[in-house]
Amino acid sequence: MADLGADSKVDFAAHAVLHKWPSLANQRRPDRDSYQVSEGTLDECISVFMAKPAATRHLYEIRTAAQPPLVTEVLSPEHVIELSRLREFL
């Protein structure tokens, strides 16, 4: 992750939505749309995501307002895990 200077603050209270992709044999179905699982703050959505079994996390993503440079509008599972680590660090 990039250098976490003063300009790299993350607003964990920002509105966010956790989405899940339909799956077949534990693989995303690109022919289907994702659906909302949880809505709340970025912090809450990260907590809900982290409570999911590690083997299924690749089926989820978090959507929120971009907070450059650390937060994009759609957060991949890998990105959510990194933000979870950052949150614990702070």
PDB file of N, CA and C in Angstrom:
ATOM      1  N   MET A   1       0.840  -1.178   0.000  1.00  0.00           N
ATOM      2  CA  MET A   1       0.000   0.000   0.000  1.00  0.00           C
ATOM      3  C   MET A   1       0.884   1.240   0.000  1.00  0.00           C
ATOM      4  N   ALA A   2       0.357   2.344  -0.457  1.00  0.00           N
ATOM      5  CA  ALA A   2       1.118   3.581  -0.569  1.00  0.00           C
ATOM      6  C   ALA A   2       1.469   4.136   0.805  1.00  0.00           C
ATOM      7  N   ASP A   3       2.383   5.116   0.807  1.00  0.00           N
ATOM      8  CA  ASP A   3       2.762   5.800   2.037  1.00  0.00           C
ATOM      9  C   ASP A   3       1.527   6.451   2.650  1.00  0.00           C
ATOM     10  N   LEU A   4       1.295   6.204   3.926  1.00  0.00           N
ATOM     11  CA  LEU A   4       0.099   6.707   4.595  1.00  0.00           C
ATOM     12  C   LEU A   4       0.378   8.046   5.247  1.00  0.00           C
ATOM     13  N   GLY A   5       0.558   9.077   4.446  1.00  0.00           N
ATOM     14  CA  GLY A   5       0.828  10.413   4.960  1.00  0.00           C
ATOM     15  C   GLY A   5      -0.456  11.093   5.395  1.00  0.00           C
ATOM     16  N   ALA A   6      -0.364  12.361   5.729  1.00  0.00           N
ATOM     17  CA  ALA A   6      -1.512  13.123   6.231  1.00  0.00           C
ATOM     18  C   ALA A   6      -2.623  13.215   5.197  1.00  0.00           C
ATOM     19  N   ASP A   7      -2.294  13.117   3.898  1.00  0.00           N
ATOM     20  CA  ASP A   7      -3.295  13.222   2.847  1.00  0.00           C
ATOM     21  C   ASP A   7      -4.015  11.897   2.582  1.00  0.00           C
ATOM     22  N   SER A   8      -3.649  10.853   3.286  1.00  0.00           N
ATOM     23  CA  SER A   8      -4.180   9.517   3.015  1.00  0.00           C
ATOM     24  C   SER A   8      -5.147   9.034   4.084  1.00  0.00           C
ATOM     25  N   LYS A   9      -5.985   9.911   4.572  1.00  0.00           N
ATOM     26  CA  LYS A   9      -6.955   9.518   5.587  1.00  0.00           C
ATOM     27  C   LYS A   9      -8.161   8.878   4.923  1.00  0.00           C
ATOM     28  N   VAL A  10      -8.729   7.893   5.602  1.00  0.00           N
ATOM     29  CA  VAL A  10      -9.910   7.209   5.092  1.00  0.00           C
ATOM     30  C   VAL A  10     -11.065   7.508   6.040  1.00  0.00           C
ATOM     31  N   ASP A  11     -12.195   7.928   5.468  1.00  0.00           N
ATOM     32  CA  ASP A  11     -13.403   8.185   6.254  1.00  0.00           C
ATOM     33  C   ASP A  11     -14.186   6.881   6.347  1.00  0.00           C
ATOM     34  N   PHE A  12     -13.989   6.161   7.451  1.00  0.00           N
ATOM     35  CA  PHE A  12     -14.674   4.892   7.640  1.00  0.00           C
ATOM     36  C   PHE A  12     -16.155   5.082   7.971  1.00  0.00           C
ATOM     37  N   ALA A  13     -16.571   6.334   8.201  1.00  0.00           N
ATOM     38  CA  ALA A  13     -17.984   6.628   8.463  1.00  0.00           C
ATOM     39  C   ALA A  13     -18.751   6.936   7.172  1.00  0.00           C
ATOM     40  N   ALA A  14     -18.066   6.913   6.041  1.00  0.00           N
ATOM     41  CA  ALA A  14     -18.709   7.180   4.747  1.00  0.00           C
ATOM     42  C   ALA A  14     -19.742   6.095   4.427  1.00  0.00           C
ATOM     43  N   HIS A  15     -20.782   6.480   3.705  1.00  0.00           N
ATOM     44  CA  HIS A  15     -21.829   5.538   3.296  1.00  0.00           C
ATOM     45  C   HIS A  15     -21.233   4.483   2.363  1.00  0.00           C
ATOM     46  N   ALA A  16     -21.651   3.233   2.561  1.00  0.00           N
ATOM     47  CA  ALA A  16     -21.161   2.134   1.717  1.00  0.00           C
ATOM     48  C   ALA A  16     -22.224   1.048   1.617  1.00  0.00           C
ATOM     49  N   VAL A  17     -22.096   0.233   0.581  1.00  0.00           N
ATOM     50  CA  VAL A  17     -23.024  -0.880   0.353  1.00  0.00           C
ATOM     51  C   VAL A  17     -22.202  -2.118   0.006  1.00  0.00           C
ATOM     52  N   LEU A  18     -22.480  -3.218   0.688  1.00  0.00           N
ATOM     53  CA  LEU A  18     -21.835  -4.491   0.398  1.00  0.00           C
ATOM     54  C   LEU A  18     -22.690  -5.250  -0.607  1.00  0.00           C
ATOM     55  N   HIS A  19     -22.071  -5.683  -1.690  1.00  0.00           N
ATOM     56  CA  HIS A  19     -22.753  -6.438  -2.738  1.00  0.00           C
ATOM     57  C   HIS A  19     -22.170  -7.841  -2.830  1.00  0.00           C
ATOM     58  N   LYS A  20     -23.010  -8.782  -3.255  1.00  0.00           N
ATOM     59  CA  LYS A  20     -22.582 -10.161  -3.495  1.00  0.00           C
ATOM     60  C   LYS A  20     -22.940 -10.529  -4.932  1.00  0.00           C
ATOM     61  N   TRP A  21     -22.030 -11.241  -5.557  1.00  0.00           N
ATOM     62  CA  TRP A  21     -22.273 -11.740  -6.906  1.00  0.00           C
ATOM     63  C   TRP A  21     -22.876 -13.134  -6.830  1.00  0.00           C
ATOM     64  N   PRO A  22     -23.899 -13.401  -7.622  1.00  0.00           N
ATOM     65  CA  PRO A  22     -24.411 -14.775  -7.713  1.00  0.00           C
ATOM     66  C   PRO A  22     -23.261 -15.690  -8.144  1.00  0.00           C
ATOM     67  N   SER A  23     -23.310 -16.928  -7.694  1.00  0.00           N
ATOM     68  CA  SER A  23     -22.211 -17.824  -8.026  1.00  0.00           C
ATOM     69  C   SER A  23     -22.721 -19.196  -8.446  1.00  0.00           C
ATOM     70  N   LEU A  24     -21.839 -19.900  -9.113  1.00  0.00           N
ATOM     71  CA  LEU A  24     -22.067 -21.288  -9.493  1.00  0.00           C
ATOM     72  C   LEU A  24     -20.742 -21.993  -9.245  1.00  0.00           C
ATOM     73  N   ALA A  25     -20.753 -23.035  -8.429  1.00  0.00           N
ATOM     74  CA  ALA A  25     -19.535 -23.748  -8.049  1.00  0.00           C
ATOM     75  C   ALA A  25     -18.509 -22.789  -7.435  1.00  0.00           C
ATOM     76  N   ASN A  26     -19.001 -21.857  -6.611  1.00  0.00           N
ATOM     77  CA  ASN A  26     -18.182 -20.880  -5.888  1.00  0.00           C
ATOM     78  C   ASN A  26     -17.414 -19.944  -6.820  1.00  0.00           C
ATOM     79  N   GLN A  27     -17.922 -19.737  -8.032  1.00  0.00           N
ATOM     80  CA  GLN A  27     -17.335 -18.796  -8.986  1.00  0.00           C
ATOM     81  C   GLN A  27     -18.379 -17.750  -9.357  1.00  0.00           C
ATOM     82  N   ARG A  28     -17.917 -16.501  -9.492  1.00  0.00           N
ATOM     83  CA  ARG A  28     -18.832 -15.423  -9.892  1.00  0.00           C
ATOM     84  C   ARG A  28     -19.493 -15.736 -11.210  1.00  0.00           C
ATOM     85  N   ARG A  29     -20.768 -15.362 -11.305  1.00  0.00           N
ATOM     86  CA  ARG A  29     -21.510 -15.511 -12.563  1.00  0.00           C
ATOM     87  C   ARG A  29     -21.536 -14.151 -13.244  1.00  0.00           C
ATOM     88  N   PRO A  30     -20.695 -13.931 -14.239  1.00  0.00           N
ATOM     89  CA  PRO A  30     -20.636 -12.622 -14.903  1.00  0.00           C
ATOM     90  C   PRO A  30     -21.906 -12.287 -15.673  1.00  0.00           C
ATOM     91  N   ASP A  31     -22.749 -13.281 -15.915  1.00  0.00           N
ATOM     92  CA  ASP A  31     -23.988 -13.053 -16.650  1.00  0.00           C
ATOM     93  C   ASP A  31     -25.113 -12.576 -15.731  1.00  0.00           C
ATOM     94  N   ARG A  32     -24.840 -12.427 -14.458  1.00  0.00           N
ATOM     95  CA  ARG A  32     -25.842 -11.981 -13.480  1.00  0.00           C
ATOM     96  C   ARG A  32     -25.360 -10.715 -12.790  1.00  0.00           C
ATOM     97  N   ASP A  33     -26.294  -9.917 -12.301  1.00  0.00           N
ATOM     98  CA  ASP A  33     -25.953  -8.703 -11.573  1.00  0.00           C
ATOM     99  C   ASP A  33     -25.751  -9.022 -10.099  1.00  0.00           C
ATOM    100  N   SER A  34     -24.863  -8.252  -9.468  1.00  0.00           N
ATOM    101  CA  SER A  34     -24.667  -8.406  -8.034  1.00  0.00           C
ATOM    102  C   SER A  34     -25.889  -7.845  -7.313  1.00  0.00           C
ATOM    103  N   TYR A  35     -26.047  -8.218  -6.052  1.00  0.00           N
ATOM    104  CA  TYR A  35     -27.177  -7.710  -5.272  1.00  0.00           C
ATOM    105  C   TYR A  35     -26.704  -7.248  -3.904  1.00  0.00           C
ATOM    106  N   GLN A  36     -27.454  -6.316  -3.341  1.00  0.00           N
ATOM    107  CA  GLN A  36     -27.097  -5.708  -2.066  1.00  0.00           C
ATOM    108  C   GLN A  36     -27.293  -6.681  -0.912  1.00  0.00           C
ATOM    109  N   VAL A  37     -26.277  -6.760  -0.043  1.00  0.00           N
ATOM    110  CA  VAL A  37     -26.328  -7.623   1.130  1.00  0.00           C
ATOM    111  C   VAL A  37     -26.458  -6.794   2.396  1.00  0.00           C
ATOM    112  N   SER A  38     -25.756  -5.659   2.438  1.00  0.00           N
ATOM    113  CA  SER A  38     -25.732  -4.818   3.628  1.00  0.00           C
ATOM    114  C   SER A  38     -25.485  -3.379   3.218  1.00  0.00           C
ATOM    115  N   GLU A  39     -26.020  -2.457   4.002  1.00  0.00           N
ATOM    116  CA  GLU A  39     -25.817  -1.037   3.747  1.00  0.00           C
ATOM    117  C   GLU A  39     -25.546  -0.354   5.074  1.00  0.00           C
ATOM    118  N   GLY A  40     -24.613   0.572   5.071  1.00  0.00           N
ATOM    119  CA  GLY A  40     -24.274   1.305   6.290  1.00  0.00           C
ATOM    120  C   GLY A  40     -23.023   2.125   6.050  1.00  0.00           C
ATOM    121  N   THR A  41     -22.167   2.192   7.051  1.00  0.00           N
ATOM    122  CA  THR A  41     -20.912   2.908   6.896  1.00  0.00           C
ATOM    123  C   THR A  41     -19.873   1.980   6.269  1.00  0.00           C
ATOM    124  N   LEU A  42     -18.797   2.559   5.787  1.00  0.00           N
ATOM    125  CA  LEU A  42     -17.700   1.762   5.247  1.00  0.00           C
ATOM    126  C   LEU A  42     -17.184   0.820   6.326  1.00  0.00           C
ATOM    127  N   ASP A  43     -17.072   1.304   7.553  1.00  0.00           N
ATOM    128  CA  ASP A  43     -16.623   0.481   8.675  1.00  0.00           C
ATOM    129  C   ASP A  43     -17.545  -0.722   8.888  1.00  0.00           C
ATOM    130  N   GLU A  44     -18.843  -0.490   8.876  1.00  0.00           N
ATOM    131  CA  GLU A  44     -19.810  -1.583   9.070  1.00  0.00           C
ATOM    132  C   GLU A  44     -19.733  -2.594   7.937  1.00  0.00           C
ATOM    133  N   CYS A  45     -19.634  -2.106   6.708  1.00  0.00           N
ATOM    134  CA  CYS A  45     -19.561  -3.018   5.564  1.00  0.00           C
ATOM    135  C   CYS A  45     -18.275  -3.843   5.586  1.00  0.00           C
ATOM    136  N   ILE A  46     -17.176  -3.231   6.005  1.00  0.00           N
ATOM    137  CA  ILE A  46     -15.926  -3.988   6.129  1.00  0.00           C
ATOM    138  C   ILE A  46     -16.090  -5.075   7.182  1.00  0.00           C
ATOM    139  N   SER A  47     -16.734  -4.758   8.298  1.00  0.00           N
ATOM    140  CA  SER A  47     -16.948  -5.754   9.361  1.00  0.00           C
ATOM    141  C   SER A  47     -17.809  -6.913   8.877  1.00  0.00           C
ATOM    142  N   VAL A  48     -18.893  -6.606   8.143  1.00  0.00           N
ATOM    143  CA  VAL A  48     -19.767  -7.658   7.613  1.00  0.00           C
ATOM    144  C   VAL A  48     -18.980  -8.519   6.623  1.00  0.00           C
ATOM    145  N   PHE A  49     -18.204  -7.869   5.755  1.00  0.00           N
ATOM    146  CA  PHE A  49     -17.384  -8.594   4.781  1.00  0.00           C
ATOM    147  C   PHE A  49     -16.395  -9.519   5.486  1.00  0.00           C
ATOM    148  N   MET A  50     -15.697  -9.022   6.494  1.00  0.00           N
ATOM    149  CA  MET A  50     -14.673  -9.810   7.185  1.00  0.00           C
ATOM    150  C   MET A  50     -15.279 -10.977   7.957  1.00  0.00           C
ATOM    151  N   ALA A  51     -16.573 -10.896   8.290  1.00  0.00           N
ATOM    152  CA  ALA A  51     -17.247 -11.994   8.983  1.00  0.00           C
ATOM    153  C   ALA A  51     -17.622 -13.134   8.033  1.00  0.00           C
ATOM    154  N   LYS A  52     -17.551 -12.883   6.732  1.00  0.00           N
ATOM    155  CA  LYS A  52     -17.858 -13.920   5.743  1.00  0.00           C
ATOM    156  C   LYS A  52     -16.711 -14.940   5.702  1.00  0.00           C
ATOM    157  N   PRO A  53     -17.008 -16.182   5.380  1.00  0.00           N
ATOM    158  CA  PRO A  53     -15.932 -17.179   5.262  1.00  0.00           C
ATOM    159  C   PRO A  53     -14.912 -16.752   4.203  1.00  0.00           C
ATOM    160  N   ALA A  54     -13.638 -16.916   4.518  1.00  0.00           N
ATOM    161  CA  ALA A  54     -12.577 -16.505   3.594  1.00  0.00           C
ATOM    162  C   ALA A  54     -12.749 -17.126   2.212  1.00  0.00           C
ATOM    163  N   ALA A  55     -13.259 -18.339   2.153  1.00  0.00           N
ATOM    164  CA  ALA A  55     -13.413 -19.043   0.870  1.00  0.00           C
ATOM    165  C   ALA A  55     -14.492 -18.440  -0.024  1.00  0.00           C
ATOM    166  N   THR A  56     -15.350 -17.567   0.525  1.00  0.00           N
ATOM    167  CA  THR A  56     -16.414 -16.958  -0.287  1.00  0.00           C
ATOM    168  C   THR A  56     -16.243 -15.453  -0.465  1.00  0.00           C
ATOM    169  N   ARG A  57     -15.237 -14.860   0.121  1.00  0.00           N
ATOM    170  CA  ARG A  57     -15.071 -13.396   0.058  1.00  0.00           C
ATOM    171  C   ARG A  57     -14.896 -12.879  -1.361  1.00  0.00           C
ATOM    172  N   HIS A  58     -14.377 -13.698  -2.263  1.00  0.00           N
ATOM    173  CA  HIS A  58     -14.179 -13.256  -3.648  1.00  0.00           C
ATOM    174  C   HIS A  58     -15.511 -12.981  -4.353  1.00  0.00           C
ATOM    175  N   LEU A  59     -16.617 -13.360  -3.751  1.00  0.00           N
ATOM    176  CA  LEU A  59     -17.936 -13.119  -4.338  1.00  0.00           C
ATOM    177  C   LEU A  59     -18.520 -11.769  -3.923  1.00  0.00           C
ATOM    178  N   TYR A  60     -17.803 -11.019  -3.090  1.00  0.00           N
ATOM    179  CA  TYR A  60     -18.316  -9.766  -2.543  1.00  0.00           C
ATOM    180  C   TYR A  60     -17.492  -8.570  -3.003  1.00  0.00           C
ATOM    181  N   GLU A  61     -18.117  -7.399  -2.963  1.00  0.00           N
ATOM    182  CA  GLU A  61     -17.424  -6.130  -3.184  1.00  0.00           C
ATOM    183  C   GLU A  61     -18.163  -5.055  -2.409  1.00  0.00           C
ATOM    184  N   ILE A  62     -17.455  -3.993  -2.070  1.00  0.00           N
ATOM    185  CA  ILE A  62     -18.060  -2.861  -1.375  1.00  0.00           C
ATOM    186  C   ILE A  62     -18.065  -1.681  -2.331  1.00  0.00           C
ATOM    187  N   ARG A  63     -19.199  -0.997  -2.390  1.00  0.00           N
ATOM    188  CA  ARG A  63     -19.334   0.209  -3.224  1.00  0.00           C
ATOM    189  C   ARG A  63     -19.508   1.407  -2.295  1.00  0.00           C
ATOM    190  N   THR A  64     -18.733   2.448  -2.546  1.00  0.00           N
ATOM    191  CA  THR A  64     -18.738   3.645  -1.717  1.00  0.00           C
ATOM    192  C   THR A  64     -18.236   4.815  -2.543  1.00  0.00           C
ATOM    193  N   ALA A  65     -18.284   6.011  -1.978  1.00  0.00           N
ATOM    194  CA  ALA A  65     -17.733   7.167  -2.673  1.00  0.00           C
ATOM    195  C   ALA A  65     -16.212   7.060  -2.662  1.00  0.00           C
ATOM    196  N   ALA A  66     -15.593   7.394  -3.784  1.00  0.00           N
ATOM    197  CA  ALA A  66     -14.133   7.330  -3.874  1.00  0.00           C
ATOM    198  C   ALA A  66     -13.503   8.313  -2.891  1.00  0.00           C
ATOM    199  N   GLN A  67     -12.406   7.870  -2.281  1.00  0.00           N
ATOM    200  CA  GLN A  67     -11.605   8.695  -1.389  1.00  0.00           C
ATOM    201  C   GLN A  67     -10.140   8.528  -1.799  1.00  0.00           C
ATOM    202  N   PRO A  68      -9.752   9.176  -2.899  1.00  0.00           N
ATOM    203  CA  PRO A  68      -8.382   9.004  -3.391  1.00  0.00           C
ATOM    204  C   PRO A  68      -7.353   9.370  -2.315  1.00  0.00           C
ATOM    205  N   PRO A  69      -6.234   8.688  -2.254  1.00  0.00           N
ATOM    206  CA  PRO A  69      -5.808   7.644  -3.184  1.00  0.00           C
ATOM    207  C   PRO A  69      -6.121   6.228  -2.709  1.00  0.00           C
ATOM    208  N   LEU A  70      -6.651   6.050  -1.508  1.00  0.00           N
ATOM    209  CA  LEU A  70      -6.772   4.704  -0.936  1.00  0.00           C
ATOM    210  C   LEU A  70      -8.096   3.992  -1.198  1.00  0.00           C
ATOM    211  N   VAL A  71      -9.160   4.737  -1.445  1.00  0.00           N
ATOM    212  CA  VAL A  71     -10.482   4.119  -1.579  1.00  0.00           C
ATOM    213  C   VAL A  71     -11.046   4.425  -2.960  1.00  0.00           C
ATOM    214  N   THR A  72     -11.383   3.362  -3.691  1.00  0.00           N
ATOM    215  CA  THR A  72     -12.017   3.516  -4.996  1.00  0.00           C
ATOM    216  C   THR A  72     -13.520   3.311  -4.841  1.00  0.00           C
ATOM    217  N   GLU A  73     -14.292   3.602  -5.891  1.00  0.00           N
ATOM    218  CA  GLU A  73     -15.750   3.466  -5.811  1.00  0.00           C
ATOM    219  C   GLU A  73     -16.197   2.024  -5.617  1.00  0.00           C
ATOM    220  N   VAL A  74     -15.473   1.080  -6.201  1.00  0.00           N
ATOM    221  CA  VAL A  74     -15.776  -0.342  -6.038  1.00  0.00           C
ATOM    222  C   VAL A  74     -14.536  -0.998  -5.448  1.00  0.00           C
ATOM    223  N   LEU A  75     -14.700  -1.561  -4.252  1.00  0.00           N
ATOM    224  CA  LEU A  75     -13.578  -2.165  -3.550  1.00  0.00           C
ATOM    225  C   LEU A  75     -13.591  -3.681  -3.738  1.00  0.00           C
ATOM    226  N   SER A  76     -12.522  -4.200  -4.298  1.00  0.00           N
ATOM    227  CA  SER A  76     -12.383  -5.642  -4.485  1.00  0.00           C
ATOM    228  C   SER A  76     -12.150  -6.302  -3.126  1.00  0.00           C
ATOM    229  N   PRO A  77     -12.336  -7.611  -3.046  1.00  0.00           N
ATOM    230  CA  PRO A  77     -12.080  -8.309  -1.780  1.00  0.00           C
ATOM    231  C   PRO A  77     -10.668  -8.050  -1.240  1.00  0.00           C
ATOM    232  N   GLU A  78      -9.675  -8.048  -2.114  1.00  0.00           N
ATOM    233  CA  GLU A  78      -8.291  -7.801  -1.678  1.00  0.00           C
ATOM    234  C   GLU A  78      -8.150  -6.396  -1.092  1.00  0.00           C
ATOM    235  N   HIS A  79      -8.797  -5.441  -1.716  1.00  0.00           N
ATOM    236  CA  HIS A  79      -8.756  -4.057  -1.256  1.00  0.00           C
ATOM    237  C   HIS A  79      -9.448  -3.929   0.103  1.00  0.00           C
ATOM    238  N   VAL A  80     -10.574  -4.603   0.280  1.00  0.00           N
ATOM    239  CA  VAL A  80     -11.306  -4.564   1.555  1.00  0.00           C
ATOM    240  C   VAL A  80     -10.432  -5.136   2.673  1.00  0.00           C
ATOM    241  N   ILE A  81      -9.731  -6.226   2.397  1.00  0.00           N
ATOM    242  CA  ILE A  81      -8.857  -6.827   3.403  1.00  0.00           C
ATOM    243  C   ILE A  81      -7.750  -5.858   3.796  1.00  0.00           C
ATOM    244  N   GLU A  82      -7.169  -5.160   2.817  1.00  0.00           N
ATOM    245  CA  GLU A  82      -6.138  -4.163   3.116  1.00  0.00           C
ATOM    246  C   GLU A  82      -6.703  -3.013   3.946  1.00  0.00           C
ATOM    247  N   LEU A  83      -7.912  -2.547   3.616  1.00  0.00           N
ATOM    248  CA  LEU A  83      -8.532  -1.477   4.402  1.00  0.00           C
ATOM    249  C   LEU A  83      -8.852  -1.950   5.815  1.00  0.00           C
ATOM    250  N   SER A  84      -9.206  -3.217   5.963  1.00  0.00           N
ATOM    251  CA  SER A  84      -9.467  -3.773   7.287  1.00  0.00           C
ATOM    252  C   SER A  84      -8.191  -3.735   8.118  1.00  0.00           C
ATOM    253  N   ARG A  85      -7.086  -4.081   7.518  1.00  0.00           N
ATOM    254  CA  ARG A  85      -5.790  -4.027   8.211  1.00  0.00           C
ATOM    255  C   ARG A  85      -5.451  -2.594   8.600  1.00  0.00           C
ATOM    256  N   LEU A  86      -5.671  -1.661   7.677  1.00  0.00           N
ATOM    257  CA  LEU A  86      -5.413  -0.251   7.953  1.00  0.00           C
ATOM    258  C   LEU A  86      -6.284   0.228   9.106  1.00  0.00           C
ATOM    259  N   ARG A  87      -7.553  -0.147   9.092  1.00  0.00           N
ATOM    260  CA  ARG A  87      -8.493   0.241  10.144  1.00  0.00           C
ATOM    261  C   ARG A  87      -8.011  -0.258  11.493  1.00  0.00           C
ATOM    262  N   GLU A  88      -7.533  -1.496  11.548  1.00  0.00           N
ATOM    263  CA  GLU A  88      -7.019  -2.061  12.803  1.00  0.00           C
ATOM    264  C   GLU A  88      -5.759  -1.327  13.252  1.00  0.00           C
ATOM    265  N   PHE A  89      -4.932  -0.926  12.294  1.00  0.00           N
ATOM    266  CA  PHE A  89      -3.708  -0.204  12.587  1.00  0.00           C
ATOM    267  C   PHE A  89      -3.997   1.161  13.193  1.00  0.00           C
ATOM    268  N   LEU A  90      -5.044   1.815  12.687  1.00  0.00           N
ATOM    269  CA  LEU A  90      -5.399   3.159  13.160  1.00  0.00           C
ATOM    270  C   LEU A  90      -6.136   3.072  14.475  1.00  0.00           C
TER     271      LEU A  90
END
